Amino acid sequence: MKTIIQSLVISFVIHLIYIAGTLVVGYIKTRSYKPVIDNKWENIETLQNEVAFGAVGSPVYFLFTFIVVALICGLTIISYGKIVGLK
């Protein structure tokens, strides 16, 4: 039972780091964006009225990746325990 809880916690932390990293990269790209407007005033185009940030991911996809990463972490913990236990 301890291995299952450890693997779920590690999977949660990995997903949290991934999501936070994605947000930080998006924030940095947004803050450092400098539009290139040389000679753009000659080509007038209609601009969008709305802007959306982020991406929509399927909850089933995140559940699937959470379970797969937890299984990989669990197998790694079990393998590490058997290798260290043999020596």
PDB file of N, CA and C in Angstrom:
ATOM      1  N   MET A   1       0.824  -1.198   0.000  1.00  0.00           N
ATOM      2  CA  MET A   1       0.000   0.000   0.000  1.00  0.00           C
ATOM      3  C   MET A   1       0.869   1.264   0.000  1.00  0.00           C
ATOM      4  N   LYS A   2       2.010   1.182   0.670  1.00  0.00           N
ATOM      5  CA  LYS A   2       2.913   2.323   0.729  1.00  0.00           C
ATOM      6  C   LYS A   2       3.445   2.648  -0.663  1.00  0.00           C
ATOM      7  N   THR A   3       3.735   1.628  -1.450  1.00  0.00           N
ATOM      8  CA  THR A   3       4.245   1.834  -2.806  1.00  0.00           C
ATOM      9  C   THR A   3       3.208   2.519  -3.685  1.00  0.00           C
ATOM     10  N   ILE A   4       1.951   2.137  -3.543  1.00  0.00           N
ATOM     11  CA  ILE A   4       0.880   2.738  -4.341  1.00  0.00           C
ATOM     12  C   ILE A   4       0.743   4.222  -4.013  1.00  0.00           C
ATOM     13  N   ILE A   5       0.750   4.546  -2.744  1.00  0.00           N
ATOM     14  CA  ILE A   5       0.612   5.951  -2.332  1.00  0.00           C
ATOM     15  C   ILE A   5       1.818   6.753  -2.803  1.00  0.00           C
ATOM     16  N   GLN A   6       3.011   6.190  -2.668  1.00  0.00           N
ATOM     17  CA  GLN A   6       4.211   6.882  -3.134  1.00  0.00           C
ATOM     18  C   GLN A   6       4.162   7.130  -4.638  1.00  0.00           C
ATOM     19  N   SER A   7       3.739   6.122  -5.399  1.00  0.00           N
ATOM     20  CA  SER A   7       3.692   6.296  -6.852  1.00  0.00           C
ATOM     21  C   SER A   7       2.630   7.308  -7.256  1.00  0.00           C
ATOM     22  N   LEU A   8       1.499   7.365  -6.558  1.00  0.00           N
ATOM     23  CA  LEU A   8       0.472   8.362  -6.854  1.00  0.00           C
ATOM     24  C   LEU A   8       0.955   9.769  -6.527  1.00  0.00           C
ATOM     25  N   VAL A   9       1.661   9.914  -5.416  1.00  0.00           N
ATOM     26  CA  VAL A   9       2.188  11.229  -5.034  1.00  0.00           C
ATOM     27  C   VAL A   9       3.248  11.692  -6.033  1.00  0.00           C
ATOM     28  N   ILE A  10       4.127  10.794  -6.444  1.00  0.00           N
ATOM     29  CA  ILE A  10       5.158  11.157  -7.415  1.00  0.00           C
ATOM     30  C   ILE A  10       4.520  11.539  -8.745  1.00  0.00           C
ATOM     31  N   SER A  11       3.499  10.791  -9.168  1.00  0.00           N
ATOM     32  CA  SER A  11       2.794  11.113 -10.412  1.00  0.00           C
ATOM     33  C   SER A  11       2.131  12.479 -10.316  1.00  0.00           C
ATOM     34  N   PHE A  12       1.530  12.771  -9.175  1.00  0.00           N
ATOM     35  CA  PHE A  12       0.895  14.074  -8.973  1.00  0.00           C
ATOM     36  C   PHE A  12       1.925  15.194  -9.049  1.00  0.00           C
ATOM     37  N   VAL A  13       3.070  15.000  -8.421  1.00  0.00           N
ATOM     38  CA  VAL A  13       4.128  16.020  -8.433  1.00  0.00           C
ATOM     39  C   VAL A  13       4.665  16.230  -9.850  1.00  0.00           C
ATOM     40  N   ILE A  14       4.857  15.146 -10.591  1.00  0.00           N
ATOM     41  CA  ILE A  14       5.344  15.263 -11.970  1.00  0.00           C
ATOM     42  C   ILE A  14       4.344  16.038 -12.814  1.00  0.00           C
ATOM     43  N   HIS A  15       3.047  15.737 -12.680  1.00  0.00           N
ATOM     44  CA  HIS A  15       2.034  16.456 -13.446  1.00  0.00           C
ATOM     45  C   HIS A  15       1.950  17.927 -13.011  1.00  0.00           C
ATOM     46  N   LEU A  16       2.093  18.173 -11.733  1.00  0.00           N
ATOM     47  CA  LEU A  16       2.064  19.548 -11.233  1.00  0.00           C
ATOM     48  C   LEU A  16       3.236  20.355 -11.787  1.00  0.00           C
ATOM     49  N   ILE A  17       4.426  19.758 -11.808  1.00  0.00           N
ATOM     50  CA  ILE A  17       5.603  20.434 -12.359  1.00  0.00           C
ATOM     51  C   ILE A  17       5.410  20.697 -13.849  1.00  0.00           C
ATOM     52  N   TYR A  18       4.842  19.731 -14.569  1.00  0.00           N
ATOM     53  CA  TYR A  18       4.605  19.903 -16.007  1.00  0.00           C
ATOM     54  C   TYR A  18       3.636  21.057 -16.274  1.00  0.00           C
ATOM     55  N   ILE A  19       2.526  21.097 -15.545  1.00  0.00           N
ATOM     56  CA  ILE A  19       1.523  22.146 -15.749  1.00  0.00           C
ATOM     57  C   ILE A  19       2.082  23.512 -15.347  1.00  0.00           C
ATOM     58  N   ALA A  20       2.776  23.565 -14.215  1.00  0.00           N
ATOM     59  CA  ALA A  20       3.363  24.833 -13.772  1.00  0.00           C
ATOM     60  C   ALA A  20       4.438  25.297 -14.747  1.00  0.00           C
ATOM     61  N   GLY A  21       5.234  24.380 -15.268  1.00  0.00           N
ATOM     62  CA  GLY A  21       6.259  24.738 -16.241  1.00  0.00           C
ATOM     63  C   GLY A  21       5.656  25.295 -17.521  1.00  0.00           C
ATOM     64  N   THR A  22       4.559  24.685 -17.971  1.00  0.00           N
ATOM     65  CA  THR A  22       3.871  25.174 -19.157  1.00  0.00           C
ATOM     66  C   THR A  22       3.349  26.586 -18.937  1.00  0.00           C
ATOM     67  N   LEU A  23       2.782  26.836 -17.769  1.00  0.00           N
ATOM     68  CA  LEU A  23       2.274  28.167 -17.458  1.00  0.00           C
ATOM     69  C   LEU A  23       3.403  29.196 -17.381  1.00  0.00           C
ATOM     70  N   VAL A  24       4.514  28.820 -16.781  1.00  0.00           N
ATOM     71  CA  VAL A  24       5.642  29.746 -16.651  1.00  0.00           C
ATOM     72  C   VAL A  24       6.235  30.073 -18.021  1.00  0.00           C
ATOM     73  N   VAL A  25       6.392  29.073 -18.878  1.00  0.00           N
ATOM     74  CA  VAL A  25       6.918  29.317 -20.222  1.00  0.00           C
ATOM     75  C   VAL A  25       5.975  30.229 -21.003  1.00  0.00           C
ATOM     76  N   GLY A  26       4.671  29.982 -20.911  1.00  0.00           N
ATOM     77  CA  GLY A  26       3.697  30.846 -21.585  1.00  0.00           C
ATOM     78  C   GLY A  26       3.734  32.263 -21.070  1.00  0.00           C
ATOM     79  N   TYR A  27       3.885  32.421 -19.767  1.00  0.00           N
ATOM     80  CA  TYR A  27       3.961  33.756 -19.170  1.00  0.00           C
ATOM     81  C   TYR A  27       5.211  34.490 -19.652  1.00  0.00           C
ATOM     82  N   ILE A  28       6.340  33.791 -19.663  1.00  0.00           N
ATOM     83  CA  ILE A  28       7.594  34.419 -20.096  1.00  0.00           C
ATOM     84  C   ILE A  28       7.513  34.810 -21.568  1.00  0.00           C
ATOM     85  N   LYS A  29       6.954  33.933 -22.395  1.00  0.00           N
ATOM     86  CA  LYS A  29       6.810  34.262 -23.822  1.00  0.00           C
ATOM     87  C   LYS A  29       5.887  35.456 -24.017  1.00  0.00           C
ATOM     88  N   THR A  30       4.826  35.537 -23.232  1.00  0.00           N
ATOM     89  CA  THR A  30       3.893  36.652 -23.349  1.00  0.00           C
ATOM     90  C   THR A  30       4.542  37.955 -22.907  1.00  0.00           C
ATOM     91  N   ARG A  31       5.282  37.927 -21.810  1.00  0.00           N
ATOM     92  CA  ARG A  31       5.919  39.145 -21.298  1.00  0.00           C
ATOM     93  C   ARG A  31       7.041  39.634 -22.207  1.00  0.00           C
ATOM     94  N   SER A  32       7.740  38.725 -22.868  1.00  0.00           N
ATOM     95  CA  SER A  32       8.888  39.137 -23.673  1.00  0.00           C
ATOM     96  C   SER A  32       8.550  39.304 -25.158  1.00  0.00           C
ATOM     97  N   TYR A  33       7.289  39.227 -25.528  1.00  0.00           N
ATOM     98  CA  TYR A  33       6.889  39.354 -26.929  1.00  0.00           C
ATOM     99  C   TYR A  33       7.019  40.801 -27.391  1.00  0.00           C
ATOM    100  N   LYS A  34       7.725  40.977 -28.493  1.00  0.00           N
ATOM    101  CA  LYS A  34       7.869  42.299 -29.091  1.00  0.00           C
ATOM    102  C   LYS A  34       7.445  42.179 -30.552  1.00  0.00           C
ATOM    103  N   PRO A  35       6.312  42.773 -30.902  1.00  0.00           N
ATOM    104  CA  PRO A  35       5.823  42.640 -32.279  1.00  0.00           C
ATOM    105  C   PRO A  35       6.729  43.369 -33.274  1.00  0.00           C
ATOM    106  N   VAL A  36       6.819  42.822 -34.446  1.00  0.00           N
ATOM    107  CA  VAL A  36       7.586  43.431 -35.524  1.00  0.00           C
ATOM    108  C   VAL A  36       6.596  44.218 -36.379  1.00  0.00           C
ATOM    109  N   ILE A  37       6.729  45.544 -36.381  1.00  0.00           N
ATOM    110  CA  ILE A  37       5.753  46.363 -37.104  1.00  0.00           C
ATOM    111  C   ILE A  37       6.389  47.218 -38.194  1.00  0.00           C
ATOM    112  N   ASP A  38       7.572  46.872 -38.627  1.00  0.00           N
ATOM    113  CA  ASP A  38       8.200  47.610 -39.725  1.00  0.00           C
ATOM    114  C   ASP A  38       7.389  47.419 -41.001  1.00  0.00           C
ATOM    115  N   ASN A  39       6.957  48.519 -41.557  1.00  0.00           N
ATOM    116  CA  ASN A  39       6.201  48.540 -42.815  1.00  0.00           C
ATOM    117  C   ASN A  39       4.925  47.706 -42.775  1.00  0.00           C
ATOM    118  N   LYS A  40       4.397  47.436 -41.630  1.00  0.00           N
ATOM    119  CA  LYS A  40       3.146  46.686 -41.527  1.00  0.00           C
ATOM    120  C   LYS A  40       1.939  47.599 -41.694  1.00  0.00           C
ATOM    121  N   TRP A  41       2.124  48.888 -41.549  1.00  0.00           N
ATOM    122  CA  TRP A  41       0.999  49.811 -41.658  1.00  0.00           C
ATOM    123  C   TRP A  41       0.479  49.896 -43.081  1.00  0.00           C
ATOM    124  N   GLU A  42       1.282  49.429 -44.048  1.00  0.00           N
ATOM    125  CA  GLU A  42       0.828  49.448 -45.439  1.00  0.00           C
ATOM    126  C   GLU A  42      -0.173  48.329 -45.724  1.00  0.00           C
ATOM    127  N   ASN A  43      -0.062  47.231 -45.042  1.00  0.00           N
ATOM    128  CA  ASN A  43      -0.959  46.089 -45.229  1.00  0.00           C
ATOM    129  C   ASN A  43      -1.943  46.035 -44.058  1.00  0.00           C
ATOM    130  N   ILE A  44      -3.089  46.636 -44.237  1.00  0.00           N
ATOM    131  CA  ILE A  44      -4.071  46.687 -43.165  1.00  0.00           C
ATOM    132  C   ILE A  44      -4.944  45.433 -43.224  1.00  0.00           C
ATOM    133  N   GLU A  45      -5.056  44.763 -42.079  1.00  0.00           N
ATOM    134  CA  GLU A  45      -5.898  43.574 -41.966  1.00  0.00           C
ATOM    135  C   GLU A  45      -6.830  43.750 -40.778  1.00  0.00           C
ATOM    136  N   THR A  46      -7.972  43.114 -40.844  1.00  0.00           N
ATOM    137  CA  THR A  46      -8.916  43.159 -39.737  1.00  0.00           C
ATOM    138  C   THR A  46      -8.377  42.314 -38.584  1.00  0.00           C
ATOM    139  N   LEU A  47      -8.436  42.872 -37.390  1.00  0.00           N
ATOM    140  CA  LEU A  47      -7.941  42.171 -36.218  1.00  0.00           C
ATOM    141  C   LEU A  47      -9.066  41.430 -35.519  1.00  0.00           C
ATOM    142  N   GLN A  48      -8.696  40.421 -34.761  1.00  0.00           N
ATOM    143  CA  GLN A  48      -9.663  39.680 -33.970  1.00  0.00           C
ATOM    144  C   GLN A  48     -10.139  40.532 -32.804  1.00  0.00           C
ATOM    145  N   ASN A  49     -11.370  40.301 -32.377  1.00  0.00           N
ATOM    146  CA  ASN A  49     -11.919  41.021 -31.234  1.00  0.00           C
ATOM    147  C   ASN A  49     -11.681  40.293 -29.922  1.00  0.00           C
ATOM    148  N   GLU A  50     -11.409  38.996 -29.995  1.00  0.00           N
ATOM    149  CA  GLU A  50     -11.256  38.199 -28.776  1.00  0.00           C
ATOM    150  C   GLU A  50      -9.910  37.495 -28.775  1.00  0.00           C
ATOM    151  N   VAL A  51      -9.407  37.276 -27.580  1.00  0.00           N
ATOM    152  CA  VAL A  51      -8.149  36.565 -27.413  1.00  0.00           C
ATOM    153  C   VAL A  51      -8.360  35.483 -26.374  1.00  0.00           C
ATOM    154  N   ALA A  52      -7.809  34.313 -26.619  1.00  0.00           N
ATOM    155  CA  ALA A  52      -7.909  33.207 -25.662  1.00  0.00           C
ATOM    156  C   ALA A  52      -6.503  32.717 -25.336  1.00  0.00           C
ATOM    157  N   PHE A  53      -6.256  32.492 -24.074  1.00  0.00           N
ATOM    158  CA  PHE A  53      -4.975  31.968 -23.624  1.00  0.00           C
ATOM    159  C   PHE A  53      -5.166  30.538 -23.142  1.00  0.00           C
ATOM    160  N   GLY A  54      -4.164  29.725 -23.395  1.00  0.00           N
ATOM    161  CA  GLY A  54      -4.191  28.361 -22.877  1.00  0.00           C
ATOM    162  C   GLY A  54      -4.631  27.359 -23.920  1.00  0.00           C
ATOM    163  N   ALA A  55      -4.765  26.144 -23.462  1.00  0.00           N
ATOM    164  CA  ALA A  55      -5.187  25.047 -24.324  1.00  0.00           C
ATOM    165  C   ALA A  55      -6.191  24.200 -23.562  1.00  0.00           C
ATOM    166  N   VAL A  56      -7.038  23.558 -24.303  1.00  0.00           N
ATOM    167  CA  VAL A  56      -8.047  22.705 -23.685  1.00  0.00           C
ATOM    168  C   VAL A  56      -7.585  21.264 -23.834  1.00  0.00           C
ATOM    169  N   GLY A  57      -7.422  20.600 -22.734  1.00  0.00           N
ATOM    170  CA  GLY A  57      -7.029  19.204 -22.749  1.00  0.00           C
ATOM    171  C   GLY A  57      -8.155  18.335 -22.233  1.00  0.00           C
ATOM    172  N   SER A  58      -8.229  17.156 -22.753  1.00  0.00           N
ATOM    173  CA  SER A  58      -9.269  16.229 -22.327  1.00  0.00           C
ATOM    174  C   SER A  58      -8.968  15.722 -20.914  1.00  0.00           C
ATOM    175  N   PRO A  59      -9.945  15.737 -20.025  1.00  0.00           N
ATOM    176  CA  PRO A  59      -9.716  15.198 -18.676  1.00  0.00           C
ATOM    177  C   PRO A  59      -9.367  13.712 -18.703  1.00  0.00           C
ATOM    178  N   VAL A  60      -9.886  12.997 -19.694  1.00  0.00           N
ATOM    179  CA  VAL A  60      -9.581  11.570 -19.810  1.00  0.00           C
ATOM    180  C   VAL A  60      -8.099  11.388 -20.136  1.00  0.00           C
ATOM    181  N   TYR A  61      -7.555  12.272 -20.973  1.00  0.00           N
ATOM    182  CA  TYR A  61      -6.133  12.206 -21.311  1.00  0.00           C
ATOM    183  C   TYR A  61      -5.273  12.410 -20.065  1.00  0.00           C
ATOM    184  N   PHE A  62      -5.610  13.416 -19.249  1.00  0.00           N
ATOM    185  CA  PHE A  62      -4.842  13.659 -18.033  1.00  0.00           C
ATOM    186  C   PHE A  62      -4.986  12.511 -17.037  1.00  0.00           C
ATOM    187  N   LEU A  63      -6.154  11.927 -16.952  1.00  0.00           N
ATOM    188  CA  LEU A  63      -6.347  10.764 -16.078  1.00  0.00           C
ATOM    189  C   LEU A  63      -5.502   9.589 -16.568  1.00  0.00           C
ATOM    190  N   PHE A  64      -5.505   9.368 -17.878  1.00  0.00           N
ATOM    191  CA  PHE A  64      -4.708   8.281 -18.461  1.00  0.00           C
ATOM    192  C   PHE A  64      -3.221   8.487 -18.196  1.00  0.00           C
ATOM    193  N   THR A  65      -2.715   9.687 -18.449  1.00  0.00           N
ATOM    194  CA  THR A  65      -1.294   9.939 -18.216  1.00  0.00           C
ATOM    195  C   THR A  65      -0.958   9.851 -16.725  1.00  0.00           C
ATOM    196  N   PHE A  66      -1.877  10.288 -15.866  1.00  0.00           N
ATOM    197  CA  PHE A  66      -1.650  10.192 -14.423  1.00  0.00           C
ATOM    198  C   PHE A  66      -1.490   8.733 -14.004  1.00  0.00           C
ATOM    199  N   ILE A  67      -2.376   7.875 -14.508  1.00  0.00           N
ATOM    200  CA  ILE A  67      -2.328   6.452 -14.144  1.00  0.00           C
ATOM    201  C   ILE A  67      -1.074   5.791 -14.715  1.00  0.00           C
ATOM    202  N   VAL A  68      -0.730   6.106 -15.968  1.00  0.00           N
ATOM    203  CA  VAL A  68       0.457   5.498 -16.585  1.00  0.00           C
ATOM    204  C   VAL A  68       1.724   5.919 -15.853  1.00  0.00           C
ATOM    205  N   VAL A  69       1.839   7.200 -15.527  1.00  0.00           N
ATOM    206  CA  VAL A  69       3.027   7.669 -14.798  1.00  0.00           C
ATOM    207  C   VAL A  69       3.073   7.042 -13.403  1.00  0.00           C
ATOM    208  N   ALA A  70       1.920   6.883 -12.755  1.00  0.00           N
ATOM    209  CA  ALA A  70       1.881   6.231 -11.444  1.00  0.00           C
ATOM    210  C   ALA A  70       2.327   4.769 -11.557  1.00  0.00           C
ATOM    211  N   LEU A  71       1.903   4.078 -12.617  1.00  0.00           N
ATOM    212  CA  LEU A  71       2.335   2.685 -12.810  1.00  0.00           C
ATOM    213  C   LEU A  71       3.844   2.605 -13.051  1.00  0.00           C
ATOM    214  N   ILE A  72       4.358   3.506 -13.858  1.00  0.00           N
ATOM    215  CA  ILE A  72       5.808   3.512 -14.109  1.00  0.00           C
ATOM    216  C   ILE A  72       6.573   3.805 -12.826  1.00  0.00           C
ATOM    217  N   CYS A  73       6.098   4.762 -12.049  1.00  0.00           N
ATOM    218  CA  CYS A  73       6.750   5.084 -10.771  1.00  0.00           C
ATOM    219  C   CYS A  73       6.661   3.899  -9.811  1.00  0.00           C
ATOM    220  N   GLY A  74       5.512   3.235  -9.778  1.00  0.00           N
ATOM    221  CA  GLY A  74       5.347   2.062  -8.914  1.00  0.00           C
ATOM    222  C   GLY A  74       6.294   0.942  -9.295  1.00  0.00           C
ATOM    223  N   LEU A  75       6.397   0.666 -10.583  1.00  0.00           N
ATOM    224  CA  LEU A  75       7.325  -0.374 -11.036  1.00  0.00           C
ATOM    225  C   LEU A  75       8.769   0.005 -10.732  1.00  0.00           C
ATOM    226  N   THR A  76       9.090   1.285 -10.861  1.00  0.00           N
ATOM    227  CA  THR A  76      10.440   1.747 -10.546  1.00  0.00           C
ATOM    228  C   THR A  76      10.732   1.584  -9.057  1.00  0.00           C
ATOM    229  N   ILE A  77       9.788   1.926  -8.221  1.00  0.00           N
ATOM    230  CA  ILE A  77       9.979   1.787  -6.767  1.00  0.00           C
ATOM    231  C   ILE A  77      10.143   0.321  -6.385  1.00  0.00           C
ATOM    232  N   ILE A  78       9.314  -0.540  -6.960  1.00  0.00           N
ATOM    233  CA  ILE A  78       9.408  -1.979  -6.658  1.00  0.00           C
ATOM    234  C   ILE A  78      10.735  -2.542  -7.145  1.00  0.00           C
ATOM    235  N   SER A  79      11.143  -2.161  -8.373  1.00  0.00           N
ATOM    236  CA  SER A  79      12.412  -2.650  -8.918  1.00  0.00           C
ATOM    237  C   SER A  79      13.591  -2.179  -8.090  1.00  0.00           C
ATOM    238  N   TYR A  80      13.555  -0.931  -7.703  1.00  0.00           N
ATOM    239  CA  TYR A  80      14.635  -0.380  -6.881  1.00  0.00           C
ATOM    240  C   TYR A  80      14.705  -1.115  -5.540  1.00  0.00           C
ATOM    241  N   GLY A  81      13.534  -1.390  -4.942  1.00  0.00           N
ATOM    242  CA  GLY A  81      13.514  -2.128  -3.672  1.00  0.00           C
ATOM    243  C   GLY A  81      14.075  -3.530  -3.794  1.00  0.00           C
ATOM    244  N   LYS A  82      13.791  -4.208  -4.898  1.00  0.00           N
ATOM    245  CA  LYS A  82      14.312  -5.566  -5.094  1.00  0.00           C
ATOM    246  C   LYS A  82      15.807  -5.535  -5.364  1.00  0.00           C
ATOM    247  N   ILE A  83      16.278  -4.556  -6.126  1.00  0.00           N
ATOM    248  CA  ILE A  83      17.711  -4.472  -6.421  1.00  0.00           C
ATOM    249  C   ILE A  83      18.507  -4.158  -5.158  1.00  0.00           C
ATOM    250  N   VAL A  84      18.035  -3.198  -4.393  1.00  0.00           N
ATOM    251  CA  VAL A  84      18.736  -2.820  -3.163  1.00  0.00           C
ATOM    252  C   VAL A  84      18.614  -3.925  -2.121  1.00  0.00           C
ATOM    253  N   GLY A  85      17.484  -4.619  -2.100  1.00  0.00           N
ATOM    254  CA  GLY A  85      17.266  -5.687  -1.120  1.00  0.00           C
ATOM    255  C   GLY A  85      18.132  -6.902  -1.380  1.00  0.00           C
ATOM    256  N   LEU A  86      18.567  -7.128  -2.632  1.00  0.00           N
ATOM    257  CA  LEU A  86      19.385  -8.284  -2.967  1.00  0.00           C
ATOM    258  C   LEU A  86      20.820  -8.110  -2.531  1.00  0.00           C
ATOM    259  N   LYS A  87      21.296  -6.896  -2.454  1.00  0.00           N
ATOM    260  CA  LYS A  87      22.707  -6.662  -2.129  1.00  0.00           C
ATOM    261  C   LYS A  87      22.983  -6.777  -0.662  1.00  0.00           C
TER     262      LYS A  87
END
